N, C-alpha and C. Protein backbone atom coordinates (compact mmCIF):
# COMPACT_ATOMS: atom_id res chain seq x y z
N UNK A 1 2.54 -35.70 -33.42
CA UNK A 1 2.30 -34.32 -33.04
C UNK A 1 2.04 -33.52 -34.30
N UNK A 2 1.00 -32.70 -34.23
CA UNK A 2 0.64 -31.85 -35.35
C UNK A 2 0.67 -30.41 -34.86
N UNK A 3 1.57 -29.63 -35.40
CA UNK A 3 1.70 -28.24 -34.97
C UNK A 3 1.11 -27.33 -36.03
N UNK A 4 -0.12 -26.91 -35.80
CA UNK A 4 -0.76 -25.96 -36.68
C UNK A 4 -0.53 -24.54 -36.23
N UNK A 5 -0.12 -24.37 -35.01
CA UNK A 5 0.17 -23.04 -34.47
C UNK A 5 1.54 -22.58 -34.96
N UNK A 6 1.61 -21.28 -35.27
CA UNK A 6 2.88 -20.71 -35.74
C UNK A 6 3.45 -19.71 -34.75
N UNK A 7 3.04 -19.82 -33.48
CA UNK A 7 3.52 -18.87 -32.48
C UNK A 7 4.95 -19.16 -32.06
N UNK A 8 5.60 -18.16 -31.50
CA UNK A 8 6.95 -18.36 -30.98
C UNK A 8 6.95 -19.35 -29.82
N UNK A 9 5.89 -19.36 -29.02
CA UNK A 9 5.78 -20.31 -27.91
C UNK A 9 5.79 -21.73 -28.45
N UNK A 10 4.98 -21.99 -29.46
CA UNK A 10 4.94 -23.33 -30.06
C UNK A 10 6.30 -23.69 -30.65
N UNK A 11 6.93 -22.76 -31.31
CA UNK A 11 8.24 -23.00 -31.91
C UNK A 11 9.26 -23.40 -30.83
N UNK A 12 9.27 -22.69 -29.72
CA UNK A 12 10.19 -23.03 -28.62
C UNK A 12 9.90 -24.43 -28.08
N UNK A 13 8.63 -24.74 -27.91
CA UNK A 13 8.24 -26.04 -27.37
C UNK A 13 8.65 -27.18 -28.30
N UNK A 14 8.45 -26.99 -29.58
CA UNK A 14 8.83 -28.04 -30.53
C UNK A 14 10.34 -28.18 -30.60
N UNK A 15 11.05 -27.08 -30.61
CA UNK A 15 12.51 -27.15 -30.62
C UNK A 15 13.03 -27.89 -29.39
N UNK A 16 12.43 -27.63 -28.25
CA UNK A 16 12.81 -28.33 -27.02
C UNK A 16 12.51 -29.83 -27.13
N UNK A 17 11.32 -30.16 -27.59
CA UNK A 17 10.92 -31.56 -27.76
C UNK A 17 11.85 -32.29 -28.73
N UNK A 18 12.22 -31.63 -29.81
CA UNK A 18 13.01 -32.27 -30.86
C UNK A 18 14.47 -32.51 -30.47
N UNK A 19 14.88 -32.05 -29.30
CA UNK A 19 16.22 -32.38 -28.80
C UNK A 19 16.29 -33.85 -28.39
N UNK A 20 15.15 -34.45 -28.18
CA UNK A 20 15.05 -35.86 -27.79
C UNK A 20 15.35 -36.73 -29.00
N UNK A 21 16.18 -37.75 -28.82
CA UNK A 21 16.58 -38.62 -29.93
C UNK A 21 15.44 -39.43 -30.51
N UNK A 22 14.37 -39.62 -29.77
CA UNK A 22 13.27 -40.45 -30.27
C UNK A 22 12.22 -39.64 -31.03
N UNK A 23 12.57 -38.41 -31.40
CA UNK A 23 11.66 -37.52 -32.12
C UNK A 23 12.15 -37.32 -33.54
N UNK A 24 11.25 -37.44 -34.50
CA UNK A 24 11.54 -37.10 -35.90
C UNK A 24 10.66 -35.94 -36.31
N UNK A 25 11.28 -34.93 -36.83
CA UNK A 25 10.57 -33.71 -37.25
C UNK A 25 10.40 -33.73 -38.77
N UNK A 26 9.17 -33.54 -39.21
CA UNK A 26 8.87 -33.46 -40.64
C UNK A 26 8.34 -32.06 -40.90
N UNK A 27 9.15 -31.27 -41.60
CA UNK A 27 8.78 -29.89 -41.90
C UNK A 27 8.05 -29.84 -43.24
N UNK A 28 6.92 -29.16 -43.24
CA UNK A 28 6.09 -29.06 -44.43
C UNK A 28 6.08 -27.62 -44.93
N UNK A 29 6.10 -27.40 -46.24
CA UNK A 29 6.12 -26.04 -46.77
C UNK A 29 4.77 -25.36 -46.60
N UNK A 30 4.70 -24.32 -45.77
CA UNK A 30 3.41 -23.71 -45.47
C UNK A 30 2.72 -23.07 -46.67
N UNK A 31 3.48 -22.53 -47.61
CA UNK A 31 2.85 -21.87 -48.76
C UNK A 31 2.06 -22.87 -49.60
N UNK A 32 2.61 -24.05 -49.83
CA UNK A 32 1.89 -25.06 -50.60
C UNK A 32 0.61 -25.47 -49.89
N UNK A 33 0.67 -25.61 -48.57
CA UNK A 33 -0.52 -25.99 -47.82
C UNK A 33 -1.53 -24.85 -47.78
N UNK A 34 -1.05 -23.62 -47.61
CA UNK A 34 -1.94 -22.46 -47.50
C UNK A 34 -2.69 -22.17 -48.79
N UNK A 35 -2.06 -22.49 -49.91
CA UNK A 35 -2.67 -22.18 -51.21
C UNK A 35 -3.40 -23.38 -51.80
N UNK A 36 -3.44 -24.47 -51.04
CA UNK A 36 -4.11 -25.70 -51.47
C UNK A 36 -3.44 -26.32 -52.70
N UNK A 37 -2.16 -26.00 -52.91
CA UNK A 37 -1.37 -26.62 -53.96
C UNK A 37 -0.54 -27.74 -53.32
N UNK A 38 -1.22 -28.63 -52.60
CA UNK A 38 -0.48 -29.47 -51.67
C UNK A 38 -0.62 -30.98 -51.88
N UNK A 39 -1.19 -31.42 -52.98
CA UNK A 39 -1.35 -32.87 -53.14
C UNK A 39 -0.02 -33.61 -53.08
N UNK A 40 1.00 -33.09 -53.76
CA UNK A 40 2.31 -33.73 -53.74
C UNK A 40 2.92 -33.64 -52.34
N UNK A 41 2.80 -32.49 -51.71
CA UNK A 41 3.34 -32.31 -50.36
C UNK A 41 2.67 -33.27 -49.38
N UNK A 42 1.36 -33.40 -49.47
CA UNK A 42 0.64 -34.31 -48.58
C UNK A 42 1.12 -35.74 -48.79
N UNK A 43 1.26 -36.17 -50.04
CA UNK A 43 1.72 -37.53 -50.32
C UNK A 43 3.14 -37.74 -49.80
N UNK A 44 4.01 -36.76 -50.00
CA UNK A 44 5.38 -36.87 -49.50
C UNK A 44 5.41 -36.95 -47.97
N UNK A 45 4.55 -36.19 -47.32
CA UNK A 45 4.49 -36.21 -45.86
C UNK A 45 4.03 -37.57 -45.35
N UNK A 46 3.02 -38.13 -45.99
CA UNK A 46 2.51 -39.45 -45.59
C UNK A 46 3.60 -40.50 -45.77
N UNK A 47 4.34 -40.43 -46.88
CA UNK A 47 5.45 -41.36 -47.12
C UNK A 47 6.55 -41.16 -46.08
N UNK A 48 6.83 -39.90 -45.73
CA UNK A 48 7.86 -39.62 -44.73
C UNK A 48 7.47 -40.20 -43.37
N UNK A 49 6.21 -40.04 -42.98
CA UNK A 49 5.74 -40.63 -41.73
C UNK A 49 5.91 -42.14 -41.78
N UNK A 50 5.50 -42.75 -42.86
CA UNK A 50 5.61 -44.19 -43.01
C UNK A 50 7.06 -44.65 -42.92
N UNK A 51 7.95 -43.93 -43.58
CA UNK A 51 9.37 -44.27 -43.55
C UNK A 51 9.94 -44.15 -42.14
N UNK A 52 9.57 -43.10 -41.44
CA UNK A 52 10.07 -42.91 -40.08
C UNK A 52 9.59 -44.06 -39.19
N UNK A 53 8.33 -44.42 -39.30
CA UNK A 53 7.79 -45.50 -38.47
C UNK A 53 8.42 -46.85 -38.79
N UNK A 54 8.78 -47.05 -40.04
CA UNK A 54 9.32 -48.33 -40.49
C UNK A 54 10.81 -48.45 -40.21
N UNK A 55 11.54 -47.36 -40.40
CA UNK A 55 13.00 -47.44 -40.43
C UNK A 55 13.72 -46.87 -39.22
N UNK A 56 13.02 -46.59 -38.12
CA UNK A 56 13.73 -45.95 -37.02
C UNK A 56 13.14 -46.33 -35.68
N UNK A 57 13.78 -45.84 -34.65
CA UNK A 57 13.35 -46.04 -33.27
C UNK A 57 12.54 -44.83 -32.79
N UNK A 58 11.98 -44.10 -33.72
CA UNK A 58 11.23 -42.90 -33.39
C UNK A 58 9.97 -43.25 -32.60
N UNK A 59 9.74 -42.51 -31.53
CA UNK A 59 8.51 -42.64 -30.75
C UNK A 59 7.55 -41.50 -31.00
N UNK A 60 8.08 -40.38 -31.49
CA UNK A 60 7.27 -39.18 -31.69
C UNK A 60 7.60 -38.60 -33.06
N UNK A 61 6.56 -38.33 -33.83
CA UNK A 61 6.72 -37.67 -35.12
C UNK A 61 6.06 -36.30 -35.01
N UNK A 62 6.81 -35.28 -35.40
CA UNK A 62 6.31 -33.91 -35.36
C UNK A 62 6.09 -33.43 -36.79
N UNK A 63 4.84 -33.11 -37.11
CA UNK A 63 4.51 -32.47 -38.38
C UNK A 63 4.36 -30.99 -38.11
N UNK A 64 5.12 -30.16 -38.81
CA UNK A 64 5.07 -28.72 -38.55
C UNK A 64 5.28 -27.93 -39.82
N UNK A 65 4.80 -26.69 -39.78
CA UNK A 65 4.93 -25.80 -40.93
C UNK A 65 5.66 -24.51 -40.61
N UNK A 66 5.93 -24.24 -39.34
CA UNK A 66 6.45 -22.91 -39.00
C UNK A 66 7.59 -22.94 -37.99
N UNK A 67 8.26 -24.07 -37.85
CA UNK A 67 9.33 -24.16 -36.87
C UNK A 67 10.69 -24.00 -37.53
N UNK A 68 10.92 -24.72 -38.60
CA UNK A 68 12.25 -24.73 -39.22
C UNK A 68 12.43 -23.61 -40.25
N UNK A 69 11.35 -22.99 -40.67
CA UNK A 69 11.46 -21.92 -41.65
C UNK A 69 10.79 -20.65 -41.16
N UNK A 70 10.77 -19.66 -42.02
CA UNK A 70 10.14 -18.40 -41.62
C UNK A 70 8.62 -18.56 -41.52
N UNK A 71 8.04 -17.72 -40.68
CA UNK A 71 6.59 -17.72 -40.51
C UNK A 71 5.94 -17.06 -41.71
N UNK A 72 4.93 -17.72 -42.25
CA UNK A 72 4.23 -17.25 -43.45
C UNK A 72 3.20 -16.18 -43.05
N UNK A 73 3.15 -15.10 -43.81
CA UNK A 73 2.14 -14.07 -43.58
C UNK A 73 0.88 -14.48 -44.35
N UNK A 74 -0.08 -15.02 -43.62
CA UNK A 74 -1.27 -15.57 -44.26
C UNK A 74 -2.13 -14.49 -44.90
N UNK A 75 -2.14 -13.29 -44.33
CA UNK A 75 -2.91 -12.19 -44.93
C UNK A 75 -2.37 -11.84 -46.31
N UNK A 76 -1.06 -11.86 -46.46
CA UNK A 76 -0.46 -11.60 -47.77
C UNK A 76 -0.80 -12.70 -48.77
N UNK A 77 -0.74 -13.94 -48.32
CA UNK A 77 -1.10 -15.07 -49.19
C UNK A 77 -2.54 -14.91 -49.67
N UNK A 78 -3.43 -14.59 -48.75
CA UNK A 78 -4.85 -14.44 -49.09
C UNK A 78 -5.06 -13.28 -50.06
N UNK A 79 -4.37 -12.18 -49.85
CA UNK A 79 -4.51 -11.04 -50.75
C UNK A 79 -3.97 -11.38 -52.14
N UNK A 80 -2.83 -12.04 -52.20
CA UNK A 80 -2.22 -12.40 -53.48
C UNK A 80 -3.03 -13.43 -54.26
N UNK A 81 -3.73 -14.29 -53.56
CA UNK A 81 -4.51 -15.35 -54.20
C UNK A 81 -5.99 -15.02 -54.35
N UNK A 82 -6.41 -13.90 -53.80
CA UNK A 82 -7.82 -13.54 -53.87
C UNK A 82 -8.70 -14.38 -52.95
N UNK A 83 -8.09 -14.93 -51.89
CA UNK A 83 -8.82 -15.73 -50.91
C UNK A 83 -9.58 -14.84 -49.94
N UNK A 84 -10.62 -15.39 -49.36
CA UNK A 84 -11.30 -14.72 -48.26
C UNK A 84 -10.43 -14.82 -47.01
N UNK A 85 -10.66 -13.90 -46.08
CA UNK A 85 -9.91 -13.90 -44.82
C UNK A 85 -10.12 -15.24 -44.11
N UNK A 86 -9.03 -15.85 -43.68
CA UNK A 86 -9.08 -17.12 -42.98
C UNK A 86 -8.92 -18.34 -43.87
N UNK A 87 -8.99 -18.17 -45.19
CA UNK A 87 -8.92 -19.32 -46.09
C UNK A 87 -7.55 -19.98 -46.10
N UNK A 88 -6.48 -19.21 -46.02
CA UNK A 88 -5.14 -19.80 -46.02
C UNK A 88 -4.92 -20.68 -44.80
N UNK A 89 -5.34 -20.19 -43.63
CA UNK A 89 -5.22 -21.00 -42.41
C UNK A 89 -6.09 -22.24 -42.50
N UNK A 90 -7.30 -22.09 -43.02
CA UNK A 90 -8.20 -23.24 -43.18
C UNK A 90 -7.58 -24.28 -44.12
N UNK A 91 -6.92 -23.82 -45.19
CA UNK A 91 -6.26 -24.74 -46.11
C UNK A 91 -5.13 -25.51 -45.42
N UNK A 92 -4.35 -24.80 -44.61
CA UNK A 92 -3.25 -25.46 -43.88
C UNK A 92 -3.82 -26.53 -42.95
N UNK A 93 -4.85 -26.16 -42.19
CA UNK A 93 -5.44 -27.12 -41.25
C UNK A 93 -6.06 -28.31 -41.97
N UNK A 94 -6.70 -28.07 -43.09
CA UNK A 94 -7.29 -29.17 -43.86
C UNK A 94 -6.20 -30.12 -44.36
N UNK A 95 -5.09 -29.56 -44.85
CA UNK A 95 -4.00 -30.40 -45.34
C UNK A 95 -3.36 -31.19 -44.21
N UNK A 96 -3.09 -30.54 -43.08
CA UNK A 96 -2.52 -31.25 -41.94
C UNK A 96 -3.44 -32.37 -41.48
N UNK A 97 -4.73 -32.09 -41.45
CA UNK A 97 -5.71 -33.10 -41.03
C UNK A 97 -5.72 -34.30 -41.96
N UNK A 98 -5.65 -34.05 -43.26
CA UNK A 98 -5.60 -35.15 -44.22
C UNK A 98 -4.33 -35.97 -44.07
N UNK A 99 -3.22 -35.29 -43.82
CA UNK A 99 -1.95 -36.00 -43.62
C UNK A 99 -2.05 -36.91 -42.40
N UNK A 100 -2.61 -36.38 -41.32
CA UNK A 100 -2.77 -37.20 -40.11
C UNK A 100 -3.66 -38.40 -40.40
N UNK A 101 -4.82 -38.16 -40.98
CA UNK A 101 -5.76 -39.26 -41.25
C UNK A 101 -5.12 -40.33 -42.13
N UNK A 102 -4.51 -39.92 -43.22
CA UNK A 102 -3.92 -40.89 -44.15
C UNK A 102 -2.69 -41.56 -43.58
N UNK A 103 -1.93 -40.85 -42.75
CA UNK A 103 -0.77 -41.48 -42.09
C UNK A 103 -1.22 -42.53 -41.10
N UNK A 104 -2.25 -42.21 -40.32
CA UNK A 104 -2.78 -43.19 -39.37
C UNK A 104 -3.32 -44.42 -40.09
N UNK A 105 -4.02 -44.19 -41.18
CA UNK A 105 -4.60 -45.31 -41.94
C UNK A 105 -3.53 -46.18 -42.57
N UNK A 106 -2.40 -45.59 -42.93
CA UNK A 106 -1.36 -46.32 -43.64
C UNK A 106 -0.40 -47.09 -42.73
N UNK A 107 -0.35 -46.73 -41.46
CA UNK A 107 0.64 -47.36 -40.58
C UNK A 107 0.15 -48.67 -39.99
N UNK A 108 1.08 -49.55 -39.79
CA UNK A 108 0.82 -50.81 -39.10
C UNK A 108 1.24 -50.71 -37.64
N UNK A 109 1.93 -49.63 -37.30
CA UNK A 109 2.43 -49.42 -35.94
C UNK A 109 1.29 -48.95 -35.03
N UNK A 110 1.30 -49.37 -33.78
CA UNK A 110 0.29 -48.86 -32.85
C UNK A 110 0.56 -47.39 -32.54
N UNK A 111 -0.48 -46.58 -32.58
CA UNK A 111 -0.37 -45.16 -32.29
C UNK A 111 -0.91 -44.93 -30.89
N UNK A 112 -0.10 -44.34 -30.04
CA UNK A 112 -0.50 -44.11 -28.64
C UNK A 112 -1.43 -42.91 -28.51
N UNK A 113 -1.26 -41.92 -29.39
CA UNK A 113 -2.09 -40.74 -29.30
C UNK A 113 -1.65 -39.67 -30.27
N UNK A 114 -2.38 -38.58 -30.23
CA UNK A 114 -2.10 -37.45 -31.12
C UNK A 114 -2.02 -36.19 -30.26
N UNK A 115 -0.97 -35.45 -30.44
CA UNK A 115 -0.80 -34.16 -29.77
C UNK A 115 -0.98 -33.09 -30.83
N UNK A 116 -1.88 -32.14 -30.57
CA UNK A 116 -2.13 -31.08 -31.55
C UNK A 116 -2.04 -29.73 -30.87
N UNK A 117 -1.40 -28.80 -31.52
CA UNK A 117 -1.32 -27.45 -31.00
C UNK A 117 -1.91 -26.49 -32.02
N UNK A 118 -2.76 -25.64 -31.53
CA UNK A 118 -3.54 -24.73 -32.37
C UNK A 118 -4.99 -25.19 -32.37
N UNK A 119 -5.86 -24.38 -31.82
CA UNK A 119 -7.26 -24.77 -31.68
C UNK A 119 -7.93 -25.16 -32.97
N UNK A 120 -7.69 -24.40 -34.04
CA UNK A 120 -8.30 -24.74 -35.33
C UNK A 120 -7.75 -26.06 -35.87
N UNK A 121 -6.51 -26.34 -35.58
CA UNK A 121 -5.90 -27.61 -36.00
C UNK A 121 -6.59 -28.77 -35.29
N UNK A 122 -6.85 -28.61 -34.01
CA UNK A 122 -7.53 -29.66 -33.25
C UNK A 122 -8.91 -29.93 -33.84
N UNK A 123 -9.69 -28.88 -34.05
CA UNK A 123 -11.05 -29.04 -34.57
C UNK A 123 -11.04 -29.68 -35.95
N UNK A 124 -10.18 -29.19 -36.83
CA UNK A 124 -10.10 -29.72 -38.19
C UNK A 124 -9.70 -31.19 -38.19
N UNK A 125 -8.72 -31.54 -37.38
CA UNK A 125 -8.25 -32.92 -37.34
C UNK A 125 -9.31 -33.85 -36.79
N UNK A 126 -9.97 -33.44 -35.73
CA UNK A 126 -11.03 -34.29 -35.17
C UNK A 126 -12.16 -34.51 -36.18
N UNK A 127 -12.55 -33.47 -36.89
CA UNK A 127 -13.59 -33.62 -37.91
C UNK A 127 -13.14 -34.56 -39.01
N UNK A 128 -11.91 -34.39 -39.46
CA UNK A 128 -11.39 -35.23 -40.54
C UNK A 128 -11.29 -36.70 -40.11
N UNK A 129 -11.02 -36.93 -38.84
CA UNK A 129 -10.94 -38.30 -38.33
C UNK A 129 -12.31 -38.90 -38.05
N UNK A 130 -13.36 -38.11 -38.24
CA UNK A 130 -14.71 -38.61 -38.06
C UNK A 130 -15.17 -38.66 -36.61
N UNK A 131 -14.50 -37.93 -35.73
CA UNK A 131 -14.89 -37.90 -34.33
C UNK A 131 -16.24 -37.22 -34.18
N UNK A 132 -17.06 -37.75 -33.29
CA UNK A 132 -18.33 -37.09 -33.00
C UNK A 132 -18.23 -36.25 -31.73
N UNK A 133 -17.12 -36.40 -31.01
CA UNK A 133 -16.90 -35.62 -29.81
C UNK A 133 -15.62 -36.04 -29.13
N UNK A 134 -15.44 -35.51 -27.91
CA UNK A 134 -14.28 -35.87 -27.10
C UNK A 134 -14.75 -36.06 -25.66
N UNK A 135 -14.02 -36.86 -24.93
CA UNK A 135 -14.30 -37.11 -23.53
C UNK A 135 -13.11 -36.64 -22.71
N UNK A 136 -13.34 -35.65 -21.85
CA UNK A 136 -12.26 -35.07 -21.05
C UNK A 136 -11.73 -36.07 -20.04
N UNK A 137 -10.40 -36.18 -20.01
CA UNK A 137 -9.72 -36.99 -19.01
C UNK A 137 -9.13 -36.09 -17.94
N UNK A 138 -8.44 -35.02 -18.38
CA UNK A 138 -7.75 -34.15 -17.44
C UNK A 138 -7.38 -32.84 -18.13
N UNK A 139 -7.27 -31.81 -17.32
CA UNK A 139 -6.67 -30.55 -17.76
C UNK A 139 -5.21 -30.62 -17.38
N UNK A 140 -4.32 -30.64 -18.36
CA UNK A 140 -2.90 -30.75 -18.07
C UNK A 140 -2.40 -29.43 -17.50
N UNK A 141 -2.64 -28.35 -18.21
CA UNK A 141 -2.45 -26.98 -17.76
C UNK A 141 -3.57 -26.18 -18.44
N UNK A 142 -3.78 -24.93 -18.05
CA UNK A 142 -4.84 -24.17 -18.73
C UNK A 142 -4.66 -24.19 -20.25
N UNK A 143 -5.75 -24.40 -20.97
CA UNK A 143 -5.81 -24.48 -22.43
C UNK A 143 -5.06 -25.68 -23.00
N UNK A 144 -4.88 -26.69 -22.19
CA UNK A 144 -4.24 -27.92 -22.62
C UNK A 144 -5.01 -29.09 -22.02
N UNK A 145 -5.78 -29.76 -22.88
CA UNK A 145 -6.70 -30.79 -22.42
C UNK A 145 -6.30 -32.17 -22.92
N UNK A 146 -6.31 -33.13 -22.00
CA UNK A 146 -6.09 -34.53 -22.32
C UNK A 146 -7.46 -35.17 -22.46
N UNK A 147 -7.75 -35.73 -23.63
CA UNK A 147 -9.08 -36.27 -23.92
C UNK A 147 -8.96 -37.57 -24.71
N UNK A 148 -10.10 -38.25 -24.86
CA UNK A 148 -10.21 -39.39 -25.77
C UNK A 148 -11.21 -39.03 -26.85
N UNK A 149 -10.94 -39.51 -28.04
CA UNK A 149 -11.85 -39.29 -29.16
C UNK A 149 -13.09 -40.16 -28.97
N UNK A 150 -14.24 -39.59 -29.25
CA UNK A 150 -15.51 -40.34 -29.25
C UNK A 150 -15.95 -40.46 -30.70
N UNK A 151 -16.21 -41.68 -31.14
CA UNK A 151 -16.73 -41.93 -32.47
C UNK A 151 -15.66 -42.02 -33.53
N UNK A 152 -16.05 -42.50 -34.68
CA UNK A 152 -15.15 -42.61 -35.82
C UNK A 152 -14.17 -43.77 -35.69
N UNK A 153 -13.32 -43.89 -36.65
CA UNK A 153 -12.33 -44.97 -36.71
C UNK A 153 -11.38 -44.95 -35.52
N UNK A 154 -11.12 -43.78 -34.98
CA UNK A 154 -10.11 -43.65 -33.92
C UNK A 154 -10.74 -43.44 -32.55
N UNK A 155 -11.96 -43.95 -32.39
CA UNK A 155 -12.68 -43.89 -31.12
C UNK A 155 -11.78 -44.42 -30.00
N UNK A 156 -11.67 -43.66 -28.92
CA UNK A 156 -10.87 -44.07 -27.78
C UNK A 156 -9.43 -43.61 -27.82
N UNK A 157 -8.98 -43.08 -28.95
CA UNK A 157 -7.59 -42.62 -29.07
C UNK A 157 -7.38 -41.42 -28.16
N UNK A 158 -6.26 -41.42 -27.47
CA UNK A 158 -5.89 -40.33 -26.57
C UNK A 158 -5.33 -39.18 -27.39
N UNK A 159 -5.79 -37.98 -27.07
CA UNK A 159 -5.21 -36.79 -27.71
C UNK A 159 -5.01 -35.70 -26.66
N UNK A 160 -4.13 -34.79 -27.00
CA UNK A 160 -4.00 -33.54 -26.26
C UNK A 160 -4.17 -32.43 -27.27
N UNK A 161 -5.03 -31.49 -26.92
CA UNK A 161 -5.20 -30.27 -27.69
C UNK A 161 -4.69 -29.12 -26.86
N UNK A 162 -3.81 -28.29 -27.44
CA UNK A 162 -3.17 -27.21 -26.70
C UNK A 162 -3.23 -25.92 -27.50
N UNK A 163 -3.57 -24.86 -26.84
CA UNK A 163 -3.52 -23.54 -27.48
C UNK A 163 -2.09 -23.18 -27.84
N UNK A 164 -1.94 -22.47 -28.94
CA UNK A 164 -0.60 -22.14 -29.45
C UNK A 164 0.21 -21.21 -28.57
N UNK A 165 -0.44 -20.45 -27.71
CA UNK A 165 0.28 -19.51 -26.84
C UNK A 165 0.43 -20.02 -25.42
N UNK A 166 0.09 -21.27 -25.19
CA UNK A 166 0.02 -21.83 -23.85
C UNK A 166 1.28 -22.62 -23.50
N UNK A 167 1.73 -22.45 -22.27
CA UNK A 167 2.77 -23.31 -21.73
C UNK A 167 4.16 -22.72 -21.72
N UNK A 168 5.05 -23.55 -21.18
CA UNK A 168 6.47 -23.20 -21.07
C UNK A 168 7.25 -24.01 -22.11
N UNK A 169 8.56 -23.83 -22.08
CA UNK A 169 9.42 -24.49 -23.07
C UNK A 169 9.26 -26.01 -23.08
N UNK A 170 9.07 -26.61 -21.92
CA UNK A 170 9.00 -28.08 -21.84
C UNK A 170 7.57 -28.63 -21.95
N UNK A 171 6.59 -27.79 -22.22
CA UNK A 171 5.19 -28.22 -22.23
C UNK A 171 4.92 -29.33 -23.23
N UNK A 172 5.44 -29.26 -24.43
CA UNK A 172 5.19 -30.31 -25.42
C UNK A 172 5.73 -31.65 -24.93
N UNK A 173 6.90 -31.65 -24.32
CA UNK A 173 7.47 -32.90 -23.80
C UNK A 173 6.60 -33.45 -22.68
N UNK A 174 6.19 -32.61 -21.76
CA UNK A 174 5.32 -33.03 -20.65
C UNK A 174 4.01 -33.59 -21.20
N UNK A 175 3.44 -32.91 -22.19
CA UNK A 175 2.17 -33.34 -22.77
C UNK A 175 2.30 -34.69 -23.47
N UNK A 176 3.35 -34.87 -24.22
CA UNK A 176 3.54 -36.14 -24.93
C UNK A 176 3.73 -37.28 -23.93
N UNK A 177 4.46 -37.02 -22.85
CA UNK A 177 4.61 -38.04 -21.82
C UNK A 177 3.26 -38.41 -21.21
N UNK A 178 2.37 -37.42 -21.04
CA UNK A 178 1.02 -37.69 -20.52
C UNK A 178 0.23 -38.57 -21.48
N UNK A 179 0.39 -38.35 -22.78
CA UNK A 179 -0.29 -39.20 -23.76
C UNK A 179 0.16 -40.65 -23.60
N UNK A 180 1.47 -40.86 -23.49
CA UNK A 180 1.98 -42.22 -23.33
C UNK A 180 1.47 -42.85 -22.04
N UNK A 181 1.43 -42.09 -20.96
CA UNK A 181 0.94 -42.60 -19.68
C UNK A 181 -0.54 -43.00 -19.78
N UNK A 182 -1.34 -42.14 -20.38
CA UNK A 182 -2.78 -42.42 -20.48
C UNK A 182 -3.04 -43.58 -21.43
N UNK A 183 -2.31 -43.65 -22.53
CA UNK A 183 -2.50 -44.75 -23.48
C UNK A 183 -2.16 -46.10 -22.85
N UNK A 184 -1.20 -46.10 -21.92
CA UNK A 184 -0.81 -47.34 -21.26
C UNK A 184 -1.92 -47.88 -20.35
N UNK A 185 -2.84 -47.02 -19.93
CA UNK A 185 -3.94 -47.43 -19.04
C UNK A 185 -5.03 -48.20 -19.77
N UNK A 186 -5.12 -48.01 -21.08
CA UNK A 186 -6.22 -48.58 -21.85
C UNK A 186 -6.11 -50.08 -21.99
């Protein structure tokens, strides 16, 4: 699971999901990602994912930047760094996408799917994974789509893309269960 959304709705959903014993949460420092000072953070995140997959009974890994800590004011970051509007968010999404790509490439474990929240996070991750498109399987709830990746190394991989303001407290859990169900059909 990749949480690029920093909304309170997403935070509630992740907190609810993380009550499950088979979930490991990896919190990433948003300022390092937003300012593109993130090479060390990205490497540590990839190692953390690898360690979780190797050393535990974890079924779900949550990568997040805004659940366990305070929400970063991206406009302030951009003003302080002289960035154009939107650059801090783009940097976060680019870093998260690289972490996902490199974590997938490094693991020997079968990956059932990817759950992403935040529209820009979905687009960035799909581009980074080399997808040429997506094939709709189902609408789980409004603004929450179950699809398969078309093209690239991860062709056929099941994903869910969800808007950051969409759903109820249990939506992330329901969505992840749908990924497992759909992956079992392949």
